[in-house]
Amino acid sequence: MEPERYDYGTEVRVIRNVRNDGTYPGMEVGDFLVRRGSVGYVVNVGTFLQDQVIYSVHFMNEQRMVGCRAEELIPADAPWAPSRFEFRDKVRSRNALAVKGEVIAASGAEGEILKVVRDNPENVLYHVRFPGHTLLVPEASLLPLEEQDTQEETA
């Protein structure tokens, strides 16, 4: 079991959307609880199955207390770059994506977000799985699967 990273009263930020896993009372499994980027305070530290540290975090703006694992949290004052997409979101390419001049994903190709890379707050990148390839793609080159590109509509 990992040592505790956060102490009581520590201000933390959740880095993933949190949904009910069945442990939040009064809501259905899968219901949305807290949006990624929200800030809260650690109010309790416990364990789950004797090998996972779980932090009870009070998200004041959301009026919810939610259990979070250490990998879902960062210190509230740590650099944070908001992102449009997250893990498992379905997307499509805004334009053709190529490697060394070879088109790997045509404009409009459907893909799935595998990882969000927030190393540079001015330019969030994503590991996106397109059929047969995984590419590192800037946020500006992606659209939600259901959204139409306004440039396409005016063309």
N, C-alpha and C. Protein backbone atom coordinates (compact mmCIF):
# COMPACT_ATOMS: atom_id res chain seq x y z
N MET A 1 0.84 -1.18 0.00
CA MET A 1 0.00 0.00 0.00
C MET A 1 0.89 1.24 0.00
N GLU A 2 0.50 2.23 -0.81
CA GLU A 2 1.26 3.49 -0.89
C GLU A 2 1.10 4.29 0.39
N PRO A 3 2.12 5.06 0.77
CA PRO A 3 1.95 5.96 1.90
C PRO A 3 0.98 7.08 1.52
N GLU A 4 0.40 7.70 2.51
CA GLU A 4 -0.54 8.79 2.26
C GLU A 4 0.20 9.98 1.64
N ARG A 5 -0.40 10.55 0.60
CA ARG A 5 0.18 11.72 -0.06
C ARG A 5 -0.38 13.02 0.49
N TYR A 6 -1.64 12.97 0.93
CA TYR A 6 -2.33 14.19 1.36
C TYR A 6 -2.82 14.02 2.79
N ASP A 7 -2.74 15.10 3.55
CA ASP A 7 -3.15 15.08 4.95
C ASP A 7 -4.50 15.77 5.07
N TYR A 8 -5.11 15.65 6.23
CA TYR A 8 -6.39 16.31 6.51
C TYR A 8 -6.27 17.81 6.25
N GLY A 9 -7.26 18.36 5.60
CA GLY A 9 -7.28 19.80 5.33
C GLY A 9 -6.53 20.22 4.09
N THR A 10 -5.82 19.30 3.43
CA THR A 10 -5.08 19.63 2.22
C THR A 10 -6.04 19.99 1.09
N GLU A 11 -5.75 21.09 0.41
CA GLU A 11 -6.55 21.49 -0.74
C GLU A 11 -6.03 20.73 -1.97
N VAL A 12 -6.93 20.01 -2.66
CA VAL A 12 -6.56 19.18 -3.79
C VAL A 12 -7.47 19.45 -4.99
N ARG A 13 -6.98 19.05 -6.16
CA ARG A 13 -7.75 19.17 -7.40
C ARG A 13 -7.94 17.77 -7.98
N VAL A 14 -9.14 17.46 -8.41
CA VAL A 14 -9.40 16.17 -9.03
C VAL A 14 -9.09 16.31 -10.54
N ILE A 15 -8.37 15.33 -11.10
CA ILE A 15 -7.92 15.46 -12.49
C ILE A 15 -8.76 14.65 -13.47
N ARG A 16 -9.76 13.94 -12.97
CA ARG A 16 -10.68 13.18 -13.83
C ARG A 16 -12.11 13.47 -13.40
N ASN A 17 -13.04 13.40 -14.33
CA ASN A 17 -14.44 13.46 -13.94
C ASN A 17 -14.72 12.28 -13.02
N VAL A 18 -15.50 12.52 -11.98
CA VAL A 18 -15.82 11.47 -11.03
C VAL A 18 -17.29 11.11 -11.18
N ARG A 19 -17.53 9.81 -11.36
CA ARG A 19 -18.89 9.28 -11.46
C ARG A 19 -19.13 8.31 -10.32
N ASN A 20 -20.39 8.09 -10.02
CA ASN A 20 -20.74 7.19 -8.93
C ASN A 20 -20.40 5.75 -9.29
N ASP A 21 -19.57 5.14 -8.45
CA ASP A 21 -19.20 3.74 -8.64
C ASP A 21 -20.11 2.81 -7.85
N GLY A 22 -21.17 3.38 -7.30
CA GLY A 22 -22.10 2.61 -6.50
C GLY A 22 -21.96 2.87 -5.02
N THR A 23 -20.97 3.67 -4.64
CA THR A 23 -20.75 3.95 -3.23
C THR A 23 -21.33 5.30 -2.79
N TYR A 24 -21.81 6.10 -3.74
CA TYR A 24 -22.39 7.40 -3.38
C TYR A 24 -23.90 7.21 -3.23
N PRO A 25 -24.43 7.48 -2.04
CA PRO A 25 -25.84 7.20 -1.78
C PRO A 25 -26.80 8.13 -2.53
N GLY A 26 -27.94 7.58 -2.91
CA GLY A 26 -29.00 8.38 -3.51
C GLY A 26 -28.84 8.66 -4.99
N MET A 27 -27.83 8.08 -5.62
CA MET A 27 -27.62 8.30 -7.05
C MET A 27 -27.35 6.96 -7.71
N GLU A 28 -27.63 6.90 -9.00
CA GLU A 28 -27.41 5.68 -9.77
C GLU A 28 -25.93 5.49 -10.09
N VAL A 29 -25.53 4.25 -10.26
CA VAL A 29 -24.17 3.94 -10.71
C VAL A 29 -23.94 4.63 -12.05
N GLY A 30 -22.82 5.30 -12.19
CA GLY A 30 -22.48 6.01 -13.42
C GLY A 30 -22.91 7.47 -13.44
N ASP A 31 -23.73 7.90 -12.49
CA ASP A 31 -24.14 9.31 -12.44
C ASP A 31 -22.93 10.20 -12.18
N PHE A 32 -22.91 11.36 -12.81
CA PHE A 32 -21.83 12.33 -12.69
C PHE A 32 -21.83 12.95 -11.29
N LEU A 33 -20.65 13.03 -10.65
CA LEU A 33 -20.53 13.62 -9.32
C LEU A 33 -19.74 14.92 -9.30
N VAL A 34 -18.50 14.90 -9.84
CA VAL A 34 -17.61 16.06 -9.77
C VAL A 34 -16.82 16.17 -11.07
N ARG A 35 -16.73 17.39 -11.62
CA ARG A 35 -16.01 17.64 -12.87
C ARG A 35 -14.52 17.76 -12.63
N ARG A 36 -13.73 17.21 -13.56
CA ARG A 36 -12.27 17.32 -13.48
C ARG A 36 -11.89 18.79 -13.37
N GLY A 37 -10.87 19.05 -12.56
CA GLY A 37 -10.43 20.42 -12.33
C GLY A 37 -11.03 21.03 -11.07
N SER A 38 -12.06 20.40 -10.50
CA SER A 38 -12.69 20.93 -9.28
C SER A 38 -11.73 20.81 -8.10
N VAL A 39 -11.83 21.77 -7.19
CA VAL A 39 -10.96 21.82 -6.01
C VAL A 39 -11.78 21.51 -4.77
N GLY A 40 -11.18 20.71 -3.87
CA GLY A 40 -11.83 20.37 -2.61
C GLY A 40 -10.79 20.20 -1.52
N TYR A 41 -11.26 19.78 -0.35
CA TYR A 41 -10.39 19.63 0.82
C TYR A 41 -10.48 18.20 1.35
N VAL A 42 -9.33 17.62 1.68
CA VAL A 42 -9.30 16.28 2.25
C VAL A 42 -9.88 16.36 3.66
N VAL A 43 -10.91 15.55 3.92
CA VAL A 43 -11.53 15.54 5.25
C VAL A 43 -11.34 14.21 5.97
N ASN A 44 -10.89 13.19 5.24
CA ASN A 44 -10.64 11.90 5.88
C ASN A 44 -9.74 11.08 4.96
N VAL A 45 -8.99 10.17 5.57
CA VAL A 45 -8.14 9.26 4.82
C VAL A 45 -8.44 7.85 5.32
N GLY A 46 -8.73 6.95 4.39
CA GLY A 46 -9.02 5.58 4.76
C GLY A 46 -8.42 4.62 3.76
N THR A 47 -8.82 3.36 3.87
CA THR A 47 -8.32 2.35 2.94
C THR A 47 -9.50 1.58 2.35
N PHE A 48 -9.26 0.98 1.20
CA PHE A 48 -10.22 0.11 0.54
C PHE A 48 -9.51 -1.18 0.22
N LEU A 49 -10.10 -2.31 0.60
CA LEU A 49 -9.52 -3.64 0.38
C LEU A 49 -8.10 -3.75 0.94
N GLN A 50 -7.80 -3.00 1.94
CA GLN A 50 -6.53 -3.00 2.66
C GLN A 50 -5.31 -2.66 1.81
N ASP A 51 -5.50 -2.27 0.55
CA ASP A 51 -4.32 -1.95 -0.26
C ASP A 51 -4.46 -0.65 -1.05
N GLN A 52 -5.57 0.06 -0.89
CA GLN A 52 -5.75 1.33 -1.61
C GLN A 52 -6.08 2.43 -0.61
N VAL A 53 -5.32 3.52 -0.70
CA VAL A 53 -5.62 4.69 0.13
C VAL A 53 -6.72 5.48 -0.56
N ILE A 54 -7.78 5.79 0.18
CA ILE A 54 -8.89 6.56 -0.35
C ILE A 54 -9.01 7.85 0.47
N TYR A 55 -9.08 8.97 -0.24
CA TYR A 55 -9.23 10.27 0.39
C TYR A 55 -10.67 10.72 0.25
N SER A 56 -11.31 11.04 1.36
CA SER A 56 -12.64 11.66 1.32
C SER A 56 -12.40 13.14 1.10
N VAL A 57 -12.89 13.64 -0.02
CA VAL A 57 -12.65 15.04 -0.39
C VAL A 57 -13.99 15.77 -0.44
N HIS A 58 -14.05 16.89 0.28
CA HIS A 58 -15.26 17.72 0.25
C HIS A 58 -15.09 18.79 -0.83
N PHE A 59 -15.90 18.68 -1.86
CA PHE A 59 -15.92 19.66 -2.94
C PHE A 59 -17.03 20.65 -2.61
N MET A 60 -16.63 21.80 -2.09
CA MET A 60 -17.60 22.76 -1.56
C MET A 60 -18.52 23.32 -2.64
N ASN A 61 -17.98 23.66 -3.80
CA ASN A 61 -18.82 24.23 -4.86
C ASN A 61 -19.88 23.25 -5.34
N GLU A 62 -19.55 21.96 -5.31
CA GLU A 62 -20.48 20.93 -5.76
C GLU A 62 -21.35 20.41 -4.62
N GLN A 63 -21.00 20.81 -3.37
CA GLN A 63 -21.72 20.35 -2.18
C GLN A 63 -21.72 18.82 -2.09
N ARG A 64 -20.54 18.22 -2.40
CA ARG A 64 -20.42 16.76 -2.38
C ARG A 64 -19.13 16.35 -1.68
N MET A 65 -19.22 15.23 -0.96
CA MET A 65 -18.03 14.60 -0.39
C MET A 65 -17.85 13.27 -1.14
N VAL A 66 -16.68 13.11 -1.75
CA VAL A 66 -16.44 11.99 -2.65
C VAL A 66 -15.13 11.32 -2.30
N GLY A 67 -15.09 10.00 -2.41
CA GLY A 67 -13.86 9.25 -2.20
C GLY A 67 -13.02 9.25 -3.47
N CYS A 68 -11.73 9.58 -3.34
CA CYS A 68 -10.83 9.65 -4.49
C CYS A 68 -9.54 8.89 -4.18
N ARG A 69 -8.97 8.27 -5.21
CA ARG A 69 -7.66 7.63 -5.07
C ARG A 69 -6.58 8.68 -5.32
N ALA A 70 -5.38 8.41 -4.85
CA ALA A 70 -4.27 9.37 -4.97
C ALA A 70 -4.01 9.75 -6.42
N GLU A 71 -4.09 8.79 -7.35
CA GLU A 71 -3.80 9.10 -8.75
C GLU A 71 -4.86 9.98 -9.41
N GLU A 72 -5.97 10.20 -8.73
CA GLU A 72 -7.01 11.08 -9.26
C GLU A 72 -6.86 12.51 -8.75
N LEU A 73 -5.88 12.74 -7.88
CA LEU A 73 -5.71 14.05 -7.23
C LEU A 73 -4.33 14.63 -7.47
N ILE A 74 -4.28 15.97 -7.47
CA ILE A 74 -3.02 16.71 -7.45
C ILE A 74 -3.21 17.84 -6.44
N PRO A 75 -2.11 18.40 -5.93
CA PRO A 75 -2.27 19.57 -5.06
C PRO A 75 -2.99 20.69 -5.81
N ALA A 76 -3.84 21.41 -5.12
CA ALA A 76 -4.64 22.47 -5.77
C ALA A 76 -3.77 23.55 -6.40
N ASP A 77 -2.57 23.77 -5.85
CA ASP A 77 -1.70 24.82 -6.39
C ASP A 77 -0.76 24.30 -7.48
N ALA A 78 -0.85 23.02 -7.82
CA ALA A 78 -0.03 22.47 -8.91
C ALA A 78 -0.53 23.00 -10.24
N PRO A 79 0.36 23.13 -11.24
CA PRO A 79 -0.09 23.61 -12.55
C PRO A 79 -1.23 22.73 -13.08
N TRP A 80 -2.23 23.37 -13.66
CA TRP A 80 -3.39 22.66 -14.19
C TRP A 80 -3.80 23.29 -15.51
N ALA A 81 -3.94 22.47 -16.50
CA ALA A 81 -4.40 22.94 -17.81
C ALA A 81 -5.75 22.28 -18.09
N PRO A 82 -6.82 23.06 -18.12
CA PRO A 82 -8.12 22.47 -18.44
C PRO A 82 -8.09 21.89 -19.84
N SER A 83 -8.83 20.83 -20.03
CA SER A 83 -8.87 20.19 -21.35
C SER A 83 -10.31 20.01 -21.80
N ARG A 84 -10.47 19.95 -23.10
CA ARG A 84 -11.80 19.78 -23.68
C ARG A 84 -12.23 18.32 -23.64
N PHE A 85 -11.27 17.41 -23.73
CA PHE A 85 -11.57 15.98 -23.79
C PHE A 85 -10.89 15.26 -22.64
N GLU A 86 -11.31 14.01 -22.41
CA GLU A 86 -10.67 13.18 -21.40
C GLU A 86 -10.65 11.74 -21.87
N PHE A 87 -10.01 10.89 -21.07
CA PHE A 87 -9.86 9.48 -21.35
C PHE A 87 -11.19 8.86 -21.78
N ARG A 88 -11.13 8.11 -22.87
CA ARG A 88 -12.26 7.37 -23.45
C ARG A 88 -13.23 8.22 -24.26
N ASP A 89 -13.05 9.53 -24.31
CA ASP A 89 -13.93 10.35 -25.16
C ASP A 89 -13.74 9.96 -26.62
N LYS A 90 -14.83 9.93 -27.35
CA LYS A 90 -14.78 9.67 -28.78
C LYS A 90 -14.63 11.01 -29.49
N VAL A 91 -13.69 11.08 -30.43
CA VAL A 91 -13.40 12.31 -31.15
C VAL A 91 -13.27 12.02 -32.64
N ARG A 92 -13.15 13.09 -33.40
CA ARG A 92 -12.81 12.95 -34.81
C ARG A 92 -11.80 14.03 -35.15
N SER A 93 -11.00 13.75 -36.16
CA SER A 93 -9.95 14.71 -36.54
C SER A 93 -10.57 15.88 -37.30
N ARG A 94 -10.13 17.07 -36.96
CA ARG A 94 -10.60 18.28 -37.64
C ARG A 94 -9.98 18.38 -39.03
N ASN A 95 -8.78 17.82 -39.17
CA ASN A 95 -8.06 17.87 -40.44
C ASN A 95 -7.29 16.55 -40.59
N ALA A 96 -6.72 16.32 -41.75
CA ALA A 96 -5.93 15.12 -41.97
C ALA A 96 -4.69 15.16 -41.07
N LEU A 97 -4.34 14.01 -40.50
CA LEU A 97 -3.17 13.91 -39.63
C LEU A 97 -2.15 13.00 -40.31
N ALA A 98 -0.91 13.50 -40.40
CA ALA A 98 0.13 12.77 -41.14
C ALA A 98 1.39 12.62 -40.30
N VAL A 99 2.15 11.59 -40.62
CA VAL A 99 3.47 11.35 -40.04
C VAL A 99 4.44 11.22 -41.20
N LYS A 100 5.45 12.11 -41.22
CA LYS A 100 6.45 12.12 -42.29
C LYS A 100 5.79 12.16 -43.67
N GLY A 101 4.74 12.96 -43.77
CA GLY A 101 4.06 13.16 -45.05
C GLY A 101 3.02 12.11 -45.40
N GLU A 102 2.94 11.04 -44.64
CA GLU A 102 1.96 9.99 -44.92
C GLU A 102 0.71 10.23 -44.05
N VAL A 103 -0.45 10.36 -44.70
CA VAL A 103 -1.70 10.58 -43.97
C VAL A 103 -2.04 9.31 -43.20
N ILE A 104 -2.14 9.47 -41.89
CA ILE A 104 -2.45 8.35 -41.00
C ILE A 104 -3.93 8.35 -40.65
N ALA A 105 -4.51 9.54 -40.47
CA ALA A 105 -5.93 9.69 -40.16
C ALA A 105 -6.49 10.79 -41.04
N ALA A 106 -7.45 10.44 -41.87
CA ALA A 106 -8.07 11.42 -42.77
C ALA A 106 -8.89 12.42 -41.97
N SER A 107 -9.17 13.55 -42.57
CA SER A 107 -10.05 14.53 -41.95
C SER A 107 -11.39 13.87 -41.64
N GLY A 108 -11.84 14.02 -40.40
CA GLY A 108 -13.10 13.40 -39.99
C GLY A 108 -12.96 11.99 -39.45
N ALA A 109 -11.73 11.45 -39.41
CA ALA A 109 -11.52 10.09 -38.90
C ALA A 109 -11.90 10.03 -37.43
N GLU A 110 -12.55 8.94 -37.05
CA GLU A 110 -12.97 8.75 -35.67
C GLU A 110 -11.85 8.11 -34.85
N GLY A 111 -11.71 8.60 -33.61
CA GLY A 111 -10.71 8.06 -32.70
C GLY A 111 -11.19 8.10 -31.27
N GLU A 112 -10.35 7.60 -30.36
CA GLU A 112 -10.68 7.58 -28.94
C GLU A 112 -9.48 8.08 -28.14
N ILE A 113 -9.76 8.96 -27.18
CA ILE A 113 -8.71 9.51 -26.32
C ILE A 113 -8.20 8.41 -25.39
N LEU A 114 -6.88 8.20 -25.41
CA LEU A 114 -6.25 7.23 -24.52
C LEU A 114 -5.58 7.91 -23.33
N LYS A 115 -5.09 9.15 -23.55
CA LYS A 115 -4.39 9.87 -22.49
C LYS A 115 -4.41 11.36 -22.77
N VAL A 116 -4.52 12.15 -21.71
CA VAL A 116 -4.44 13.61 -21.80
C VAL A 116 -3.06 14.00 -21.31
N VAL A 117 -2.34 14.81 -22.11
CA VAL A 117 -1.00 15.27 -21.77
C VAL A 117 -1.08 16.76 -21.49
N ARG A 118 -0.90 17.12 -20.21
CA ARG A 118 -1.05 18.52 -19.79
C ARG A 118 0.28 19.15 -19.43
N ASP A 119 1.37 18.69 -20.00
CA ASP A 119 2.69 19.23 -19.66
C ASP A 119 2.83 20.70 -20.00
N ASN A 120 2.17 21.15 -21.04
CA ASN A 120 2.23 22.54 -21.48
C ASN A 120 0.83 23.14 -21.41
N PRO A 121 0.54 23.99 -20.41
CA PRO A 121 -0.82 24.52 -20.24
C PRO A 121 -1.37 25.27 -21.45
N GLU A 122 -0.48 25.80 -22.31
CA GLU A 122 -0.97 26.52 -23.49
C GLU A 122 -1.32 25.60 -24.64
N ASN A 123 -0.93 24.32 -24.54
CA ASN A 123 -1.17 23.40 -25.65
C ASN A 123 -1.39 21.98 -25.12
N VAL A 124 -2.64 21.67 -24.76
CA VAL A 124 -2.97 20.34 -24.28
C VAL A 124 -2.90 19.38 -25.47
N LEU A 125 -2.26 18.24 -25.23
CA LEU A 125 -2.13 17.20 -26.27
C LEU A 125 -2.85 15.94 -25.82
N TYR A 126 -3.14 15.08 -26.78
CA TYR A 126 -3.84 13.83 -26.48
C TYR A 126 -3.20 12.68 -27.22
N HIS A 127 -3.11 11.52 -26.57
CA HIS A 127 -2.81 10.28 -27.26
C HIS A 127 -4.16 9.80 -27.76
N VAL A 128 -4.32 9.72 -29.08
CA VAL A 128 -5.60 9.33 -29.68
C VAL A 128 -5.40 8.07 -30.49
N ARG A 129 -6.26 7.10 -30.26
CA ARG A 129 -6.21 5.85 -31.02
C ARG A 129 -7.15 5.97 -32.21
N PHE A 130 -6.54 6.01 -33.39
CA PHE A 130 -7.28 5.93 -34.65
C PHE A 130 -7.10 4.51 -35.16
N PRO A 131 -7.95 4.02 -36.04
CA PRO A 131 -7.79 2.64 -36.51
C PRO A 131 -6.36 2.38 -37.01
N GLY A 132 -5.67 1.47 -36.33
CA GLY A 132 -4.32 1.07 -36.75
C GLY A 132 -3.19 1.92 -36.23
N HIS A 133 -3.49 3.07 -35.59
CA HIS A 133 -2.41 3.96 -35.13
C HIS A 133 -2.82 4.71 -33.87
N THR A 134 -1.82 5.04 -33.06
CA THR A 134 -2.01 5.95 -31.94
C THR A 134 -1.14 7.17 -32.21
N LEU A 135 -1.76 8.34 -32.17
CA LEU A 135 -1.07 9.59 -32.49
C LEU A 135 -1.14 10.55 -31.31
N LEU A 136 -0.13 11.42 -31.21
CA LEU A 136 -0.12 12.52 -30.26
C LEU A 136 -0.67 13.73 -31.01
N VAL A 137 -1.85 14.22 -30.58
CA VAL A 137 -2.59 15.21 -31.36
C VAL A 137 -2.91 16.43 -30.49
N PRO A 138 -2.68 17.65 -31.01
CA PRO A 138 -3.06 18.85 -30.26
C PRO A 138 -4.58 19.00 -30.19
N GLU A 139 -5.05 19.61 -29.13
CA GLU A 139 -6.49 19.79 -28.91
C GLU A 139 -7.17 20.49 -30.08
N ALA A 140 -6.50 21.47 -30.68
CA ALA A 140 -7.09 22.23 -31.78
C ALA A 140 -7.38 21.38 -33.01
N SER A 141 -6.78 20.20 -33.09
CA SER A 141 -6.99 19.33 -34.25
C SER A 141 -8.07 18.28 -34.03
N LEU A 142 -8.81 18.40 -32.92
CA LEU A 142 -9.85 17.42 -32.60
C LEU A 142 -11.20 18.07 -32.38
N LEU A 143 -12.24 17.32 -32.69
CA LEU A 143 -13.62 17.73 -32.43
C LEU A 143 -14.32 16.58 -31.71
N PRO A 144 -15.34 16.92 -30.89
CA PRO A 144 -16.15 15.83 -30.34
C PRO A 144 -16.78 15.06 -31.49
N LEU A 145 -17.01 13.80 -31.33
CA LEU A 145 -17.54 12.96 -32.40
C LEU A 145 -18.83 13.52 -32.98
N GLU A 146 -19.70 14.07 -32.13
CA GLU A 146 -21.01 14.54 -32.59
C GLU A 146 -21.00 15.97 -33.13
N GLU A 147 -19.91 16.72 -32.93
CA GLU A 147 -19.87 18.13 -33.34
C GLU A 147 -19.39 18.29 -34.76
N GLN A 148 -20.03 19.20 -35.49
CA GLN A 148 -19.62 19.52 -36.85
C GLN A 148 -18.65 20.70 -36.80
N ASP A 149 -17.66 20.68 -37.65
CA ASP A 149 -16.71 21.79 -37.76
C ASP A 149 -17.40 22.91 -38.52
N THR A 150 -17.43 24.11 -37.95
CA THR A 150 -18.12 25.24 -38.58
C THR A 150 -17.46 25.61 -39.91
N GLN A 151 -16.16 25.35 -40.06
CA GLN A 151 -15.49 25.63 -41.33
C GLN A 151 -16.01 24.70 -42.41
N GLU A 152 -16.33 23.44 -42.05
CA GLU A 152 -16.86 22.50 -43.02
C GLU A 152 -18.26 22.94 -43.47
N GLU A 153 -19.05 23.45 -42.52
CA GLU A 153 -20.42 23.84 -42.83
C GLU A 153 -20.47 25.03 -43.78
N THR A 154 -19.49 25.94 -43.70
CA THR A 154 -19.51 27.12 -44.54
C THR A 154 -18.85 26.88 -45.89
N ALA A 155 -18.15 25.77 -46.05
CA ALA A 155 -17.45 25.47 -47.31
C ALA A 155 -18.41 25.01 -48.39
